[in-house]
Amino acid sequence: MTGKVFNNQVKASVEQSTGAFVIKNKEGGSMSKHFSKQELARCFRANGARCKECPLKQPADKLPDGVEGNLEALAEQVLEPARQRLGRPITVNSSYRCQVHNKTVGGVANSQHMRGEAADITTGTVEGNQKLKAVIEELGKFDQLITYPTFLHVSWKRNGMNRKQRLRNV
């Protein structure tokens, strides 16, 4: 791998064998081949600014109990297989959210985002998201798959039964 450090926080690498772009924090926080801990654990507002209420001020801060394992399971069981099958990048708009941030964005009180079990993802196009949805359904590993106009919400329970629930929010 070749890599660079940005802002003393993120190391971006290009894997020589596959040409894949991999982001890792300094602690090597890769959740899977294409998804980093920093990417999944950051709590930020829609405009990209870091959530001011969130206790996670730096990527290396400790996540609440169980959240890191849930994020890793989400990456390994859902996001990475979907990325591999789709053959193109998937952008994570939102994954882990602190309680205050979840309330601010109108999340439900028992949101899987607060437990690190959910991610809002996109390919950047409606057509790409339709393909991504079909891939996730085909792979069959999800708890909820909710289609929104510009993104998909997907969740995975590391513990307990996954419902394979499909919903549409228009």
C-alpha atoms as a PDB file:
ATOM      1  CA  MET A   1       0.000   0.000   0.000  1.00  0.00           C
ATOM      2  CA  THR A   2       1.022   3.568  -0.596  1.00  0.00           C
ATOM      3  CA  GLY A   3      -0.429   6.273   1.588  1.00  0.00           C
ATOM      4  CA  LYS A   4      -0.589   9.816   2.864  1.00  0.00           C
ATOM      5  CA  VAL A   5      -1.560  11.419   6.157  1.00  0.00           C
ATOM      6  CA  PHE A   6      -4.070  14.258   6.014  1.00  0.00           C
ATOM      7  CA  ASN A   7      -4.675  16.698   8.915  1.00  0.00           C
ATOM      8  CA  ASN A   8      -2.763  14.376  11.260  1.00  0.00           C
ATOM      9  CA  GLN A   9      -5.878  12.205  11.405  1.00  0.00           C
ATOM     10  CA  VAL A  10      -6.528  10.231   8.258  1.00  0.00           C
ATOM     11  CA  LYS A  11      -4.286   7.953   6.284  1.00  0.00           C
ATOM     12  CA  ALA A  12      -5.502   7.303   2.775  1.00  0.00           C
ATOM     13  CA  SER A  13      -4.003   4.428   0.870  1.00  0.00           C
ATOM     14  CA  VAL A  14      -4.290   2.850  -2.528  1.00  0.00           C
ATOM     15  CA  GLU A  15      -4.028  -0.905  -2.313  1.00  0.00           C
ATOM     16  CA  GLN A  16      -1.527  -2.011  -4.960  1.00  0.00           C
ATOM     17  CA  SER A  17      -3.207  -5.289  -5.894  1.00  0.00           C
ATOM     18  CA  THR A  18      -6.724  -3.942  -6.468  1.00  0.00           C
ATOM     19  CA  GLY A  19      -6.319  -0.187  -6.813  1.00  0.00           C
ATOM     20  CA  ALA A  20      -8.925   0.239  -4.059  1.00  0.00           C
ATOM     21  CA  PHE A  21      -8.899   3.510  -2.128  1.00  0.00           C
ATOM     22  CA  VAL A  22      -8.855   2.731   1.591  1.00  0.00           C
ATOM     23  CA  ILE A  23      -9.153   5.269   4.407  1.00  0.00           C
ATOM     24  CA  LYS A  24      -7.775   4.451   7.839  1.00  0.00           C
ATOM     25  CA  ASN A  25      -7.248   6.502  10.947  1.00  0.00           C
ATOM     26  CA  LYS A  26      -3.779   6.478  12.551  1.00  0.00           C
ATOM     27  CA  GLU A  27      -4.751   3.500  14.704  1.00  0.00           C
ATOM     28  CA  GLY A  28      -5.471   1.451  11.587  1.00  0.00           C
ATOM     29  CA  GLY A  29      -9.220   1.790  12.138  1.00  0.00           C
ATOM     30  CA  SER A  30     -10.423   0.040   9.038  1.00  0.00           C
ATOM     31  CA  MET A  31     -13.758  -1.703   9.601  1.00  0.00           C
ATOM     32  CA  SER A  32     -13.453  -3.507   6.260  1.00  0.00           C
ATOM     33  CA  LYS A  33     -11.557  -3.179   3.003  1.00  0.00           C
ATOM     34  CA  HIS A  34     -13.483  -0.077   1.858  1.00  0.00           C
ATOM     35  CA  PHE A  35     -15.029   1.351   5.054  1.00  0.00           C
ATOM     36  CA  SER A  36     -13.149   3.034   7.894  1.00  0.00           C
ATOM     37  CA  LYS A  37     -14.013   3.513  11.545  1.00  0.00           C
ATOM     38  CA  GLN A  38     -13.716   7.258  11.046  1.00  0.00           C
ATOM     39  CA  GLU A  39     -16.187   7.163   8.163  1.00  0.00           C
ATOM     40  CA  LEU A  40     -18.759   5.109  10.075  1.00  0.00           C
ATOM     41  CA  ALA A  41     -18.273   6.604  13.542  1.00  0.00           C
ATOM     42  CA  ARG A  42     -18.232  10.295  12.717  1.00  0.00           C
ATOM     43  CA  CYS A  43     -21.265  12.186  13.858  1.00  0.00           C
ATOM     44  CA  PHE A  44     -21.880  15.191  11.613  1.00  0.00           C
ATOM     45  CA  ARG A  45     -24.546  17.542  10.370  1.00  0.00           C
ATOM     46  CA  ALA A  46     -26.025  17.534   6.868  1.00  0.00           C
ATOM     47  CA  ASN A  47     -23.699  20.384   5.829  1.00  0.00           C
ATOM     48  CA  GLY A  48     -20.658  18.244   6.712  1.00  0.00           C
ATOM     49  CA  ALA A  49     -19.811  20.060   9.958  1.00  0.00           C
ATOM     50  CA  ARG A  50     -18.988  17.858  12.936  1.00  0.00           C
ATOM     51  CA  CYS A  51     -21.836  17.586  15.462  1.00  0.00           C
ATOM     52  CA  LYS A  52     -21.016  20.007  18.310  1.00  0.00           C
ATOM     53  CA  GLU A  53     -23.092  18.070  20.840  1.00  0.00           C
ATOM     54  CA  CYS A  54     -21.395  14.754  20.120  1.00  0.00           C
ATOM     55  CA  PRO A  55     -18.902  13.482  22.692  1.00  0.00           C
ATOM     56  CA  LEU A  56     -16.740  12.103  19.855  1.00  0.00           C
ATOM     57  CA  LYS A  57     -14.502  15.110  19.211  1.00  0.00           C
ATOM     58  CA  GLN A  58     -11.678  13.099  17.617  1.00  0.00           C
ATOM     59  CA  PRO A  59     -11.797   9.908  15.538  1.00  0.00           C
ATOM     60  CA  ALA A  60      -9.845   8.004  18.204  1.00  0.00           C
ATOM     61  CA  ASP A  61     -12.344   8.792  20.978  1.00  0.00           C
ATOM     62  CA  LYS A  62     -14.020   5.771  22.511  1.00  0.00           C
ATOM     63  CA  LEU A  63     -17.414   4.922  21.133  1.00  0.00           C
ATOM     64  CA  PRO A  64     -20.229   3.947  23.525  1.00  0.00           C
ATOM     65  CA  ASP A  65     -20.230   0.282  24.568  1.00  0.00           C
ATOM     66  CA  GLY A  66     -21.075  -2.089  21.747  1.00  0.00           C
ATOM     67  CA  VAL A  67     -21.144   0.560  19.002  1.00  0.00           C
ATOM     68  CA  GLU A  68     -17.749  -0.238  17.482  1.00  0.00           C
ATOM     69  CA  GLY A  69     -18.581  -3.950  17.243  1.00  0.00           C
ATOM     70  CA  ASN A  70     -21.947  -3.115  15.676  1.00  0.00           C
ATOM     71  CA  LEU A  71     -20.308  -0.802  13.111  1.00  0.00           C
ATOM     72  CA  GLU A  72     -17.762  -3.467  12.263  1.00  0.00           C
ATOM     73  CA  ALA A  73     -20.525  -6.055  11.797  1.00  0.00           C
ATOM     74  CA  LEU A  74     -22.498  -3.632   9.595  1.00  0.00           C
ATOM     75  CA  ALA A  75     -19.399  -3.036   7.454  1.00  0.00           C
ATOM     76  CA  GLU A  76     -18.447  -6.719   7.224  1.00  0.00           C
ATOM     77  CA  GLN A  77     -21.925  -8.198   6.744  1.00  0.00           C
ATOM     78  CA  VAL A  78     -23.682  -5.560   4.614  1.00  0.00           C
ATOM     79  CA  LEU A  79     -21.621  -2.641   3.327  1.00  0.00           C
ATOM     80  CA  GLU A  80     -18.480  -4.431   2.152  1.00  0.00           C
ATOM     81  CA  PRO A  81     -20.279  -7.302   0.373  1.00  0.00           C
ATOM     82  CA  ALA A  82     -22.561  -4.752  -1.334  1.00  0.00           C
ATOM     83  CA  ARG A  83     -19.553  -2.635  -2.377  1.00  0.00           C
ATOM     84  CA  GLN A  84     -17.761  -5.693  -3.747  1.00  0.00           C
ATOM     85  CA  ARG A  85     -20.802  -6.926  -5.705  1.00  0.00           C
ATOM     86  CA  LEU A  86     -21.700  -3.454  -7.000  1.00  0.00           C
ATOM     87  CA  GLY A  87     -18.115  -2.832  -8.087  1.00  0.00           C
ATOM     88  CA  ARG A  88     -18.199   0.893  -7.375  1.00  0.00           C
ATOM     89  CA  PRO A  89     -17.871   3.196  -4.346  1.00  0.00           C
ATOM     90  CA  ILE A  90     -20.646   3.655  -1.815  1.00  0.00           C
ATOM     91  CA  THR A  91     -20.776   6.908   0.151  1.00  0.00           C
ATOM     92  CA  VAL A  92     -21.829   6.775   3.805  1.00  0.00           C
ATOM     93  CA  ASN A  93     -23.937   9.881   4.482  1.00  0.00           C
ATOM     94  CA  SER A  94     -24.592   8.980   8.106  1.00  0.00           C
ATOM     95  CA  SER A  95     -23.986   5.998  10.321  1.00  0.00           C
ATOM     96  CA  TYR A  96     -23.322   6.389  14.048  1.00  0.00           C
ATOM     97  CA  ARG A  97     -25.221   9.302  15.631  1.00  0.00           C
ATOM     98  CA  CYS A  98     -25.067  10.573  19.186  1.00  0.00           C
ATOM     99  CA  GLN A  99     -28.444  10.952  20.936  1.00  0.00           C
ATOM    100  CA  VAL A 100     -28.550  14.754  20.597  1.00  0.00           C
ATOM    101  CA  HIS A 101     -27.665  14.647  16.911  1.00  0.00           C
ATOM    102  CA  ASN A 102     -30.236  11.937  16.252  1.00  0.00           C
ATOM    103  CA  LYS A 103     -32.928  14.075  17.861  1.00  0.00           C
ATOM    104  CA  THR A 104     -31.785  17.138  15.899  1.00  0.00           C
ATOM    105  CA  VAL A 105     -32.162  15.355  12.550  1.00  0.00           C
ATOM    106  CA  GLY A 106     -35.568  13.921  13.482  1.00  0.00           C
ATOM    107  CA  GLY A 107     -34.402  10.345  14.073  1.00  0.00           C
ATOM    108  CA  VAL A 108     -36.702   8.002  15.955  1.00  0.00           C
ATOM    109  CA  ALA A 109     -36.051   7.597  19.688  1.00  0.00           C
ATOM    110  CA  ASN A 110     -34.808   4.007  19.317  1.00  0.00           C
ATOM    111  CA  SER A 111     -32.806   4.643  16.112  1.00  0.00           C
ATOM    112  CA  GLN A 112     -30.366   1.932  15.102  1.00  0.00           C
ATOM    113  CA  HIS A 113     -27.994   4.759  14.154  1.00  0.00           C
ATOM    114  CA  MET A 114     -27.399   5.436  17.879  1.00  0.00           C
ATOM    115  CA  ARG A 115     -26.276   1.814  18.349  1.00  0.00           C
ATOM    116  CA  GLY A 116     -24.068   1.761  15.245  1.00  0.00           C
ATOM    117  CA  GLU A 117     -26.377  -0.718  13.504  1.00  0.00           C
ATOM    118  CA  ALA A 118     -27.449   1.518  10.594  1.00  0.00           C
ATOM    119  CA  ALA A 119     -26.044   3.584   7.757  1.00  0.00           C
ATOM    120  CA  ASP A 120     -27.558   5.959   5.237  1.00  0.00           C
ATOM    121  CA  ILE A 121     -25.731   5.277   1.977  1.00  0.00           C
ATOM    122  CA  THR A 122     -25.689   6.408  -1.637  1.00  0.00           C
ATOM    123  CA  THR A 123     -23.913   5.857  -4.909  1.00  0.00           C
ATOM    124  CA  GLY A 124     -24.628   9.451  -5.860  1.00  0.00           C
ATOM    125  CA  THR A 125     -27.297   8.701  -8.469  1.00  0.00           C
ATOM    126  CA  VAL A 126     -30.868   7.444  -8.426  1.00  0.00           C
ATOM    127  CA  GLU A 127     -29.974   4.688 -10.900  1.00  0.00           C
ATOM    128  CA  GLY A 128     -26.945   3.684  -8.857  1.00  0.00           C
ATOM    129  CA  ASN A 129     -29.033   3.552  -5.690  1.00  0.00           C
ATOM    130  CA  GLN A 130     -31.567   1.319  -7.443  1.00  0.00           C
ATOM    131  CA  LYS A 131     -28.745  -1.065  -8.373  1.00  0.00           C
ATOM    132  CA  LEU A 132     -27.345  -0.885  -4.828  1.00  0.00           C
ATOM    133  CA  LYS A 133     -30.769  -1.709  -3.381  1.00  0.00           C
ATOM    134  CA  ALA A 134     -31.083  -4.702  -5.712  1.00  0.00           C
ATOM    135  CA  VAL A 135     -27.607  -5.907  -4.689  1.00  0.00           C
ATOM    136  CA  ILE A 136     -28.391  -5.642  -0.960  1.00  0.00           C
ATOM    137  CA  GLU A 137     -31.685  -7.494  -1.469  1.00  0.00           C
ATOM    138  CA  GLU A 138     -29.944 -10.177  -3.514  1.00  0.00           C
ATOM    139  CA  LEU A 139     -27.259 -10.666  -0.850  1.00  0.00           C
ATOM    140  CA  GLY A 140     -30.053 -10.917   1.733  1.00  0.00           C
ATOM    141  CA  LYS A 141     -28.098  -9.677   4.748  1.00  0.00           C
ATOM    142  CA  PHE A 142     -29.948  -6.736   6.287  1.00  0.00           C
ATOM    143  CA  ASP A 143     -32.346  -5.922   9.091  1.00  0.00           C
ATOM    144  CA  GLN A 144     -34.028  -2.930   7.451  1.00  0.00           C
ATOM    145  CA  LEU A 145     -33.670  -1.556   3.943  1.00  0.00           C
ATOM    146  CA  ILE A 146     -35.483   1.746   3.557  1.00  0.00           C
ATOM    147  CA  THR A 147     -35.553   3.513   0.199  1.00  0.00           C
ATOM    148  CA  TYR A 148     -35.495   7.323   0.291  1.00  0.00           C
ATOM    149  CA  PRO A 149     -35.492   9.560  -2.798  1.00  0.00           C
ATOM    150  CA  THR A 150     -31.711  10.186  -2.677  1.00  0.00           C
ATOM    151  CA  PHE A 151     -30.272   7.465  -0.422  1.00  0.00           C
ATOM    152  CA  LEU A 152     -30.834   4.082   1.200  1.00  0.00           C
ATOM    153  CA  HIS A 153     -31.026   3.352   4.918  1.00  0.00           C
ATOM    154  CA  VAL A 154     -29.651  -0.100   5.694  1.00  0.00           C
ATOM    155  CA  SER A 155     -29.226  -1.782   9.064  1.00  0.00           C
ATOM    156  CA  TRP A 156     -27.809  -5.001  10.493  1.00  0.00           C
ATOM    157  CA  LYS A 157     -28.198  -6.467  13.985  1.00  0.00           C
ATOM    158  CA  ARG A 158     -25.076  -8.209  15.223  1.00  0.00           C
ATOM    159  CA  ASN A 159     -27.126  -9.719  18.042  1.00  0.00           C
ATOM    160  CA  GLY A 160     -30.674 -10.904  17.525  1.00  0.00           C
ATOM    161  CA  MET A 161     -32.770 -11.686  14.518  1.00  0.00           C
ATOM    162  CA  ASN A 162     -32.558  -9.559  11.369  1.00  0.00           C
ATOM    163  CA  ARG A 163     -36.059  -8.862  10.043  1.00  0.00           C
ATOM    164  CA  LYS A 164     -35.235  -8.324   6.342  1.00  0.00           C
ATOM    165  CA  GLN A 165     -37.773  -5.505   6.413  1.00  0.00           C
ATOM    166  CA  ARG A 166     -38.157  -3.454   3.216  1.00  0.00           C
ATOM    167  CA  LEU A 167     -39.741  -0.005   3.460  1.00  0.00           C
ATOM    168  CA  ARG A 168     -40.099   3.020   1.221  1.00  0.00           C
ATOM    169  CA  ASN A 169     -40.038   6.629   2.448  1.00  0.00           C
ATOM    170  CA  VAL A 170     -41.160   9.056  -0.243  1.00  0.00           C
END
